[in-house]
Amino acid sequence: MSLRDVQLNFQRRLRTYTVREVCKILKFDKKKVYALLQSGELRGKKTADAKTGRWRVSEQEILNYLSNKETGIRGEDPVRPEVGYDPGY
């Protein structure tokens, strides 16, 4: 992993979006985004108090959600960086 990859990954984890911004990115309505957050399907953090706080979702979590939906793969990085990776089968 190059230094640029590390920097990009770090920036993705730092950049957070509000529910309204997530709605625009995913083209979902607010009810759908809140349901995804509450179910844990889309991971996010609540600011301040757990009952009255506002949700924030990192860019990395949005990317993880999209990759999980399109590929069905669970995990942090669905693509192996090694060239010629052979799992043995």
Foldseek 3Di string as FASTA:
>chain_A
DDPVVVVVVVQQQPDKDFLVVLCVVVVHDSVVSVVCPVVVLQDWDFPDDPVPTTTIHGNQSSVQSVCCVVPVDDDNDPDDPDPPDDPPD
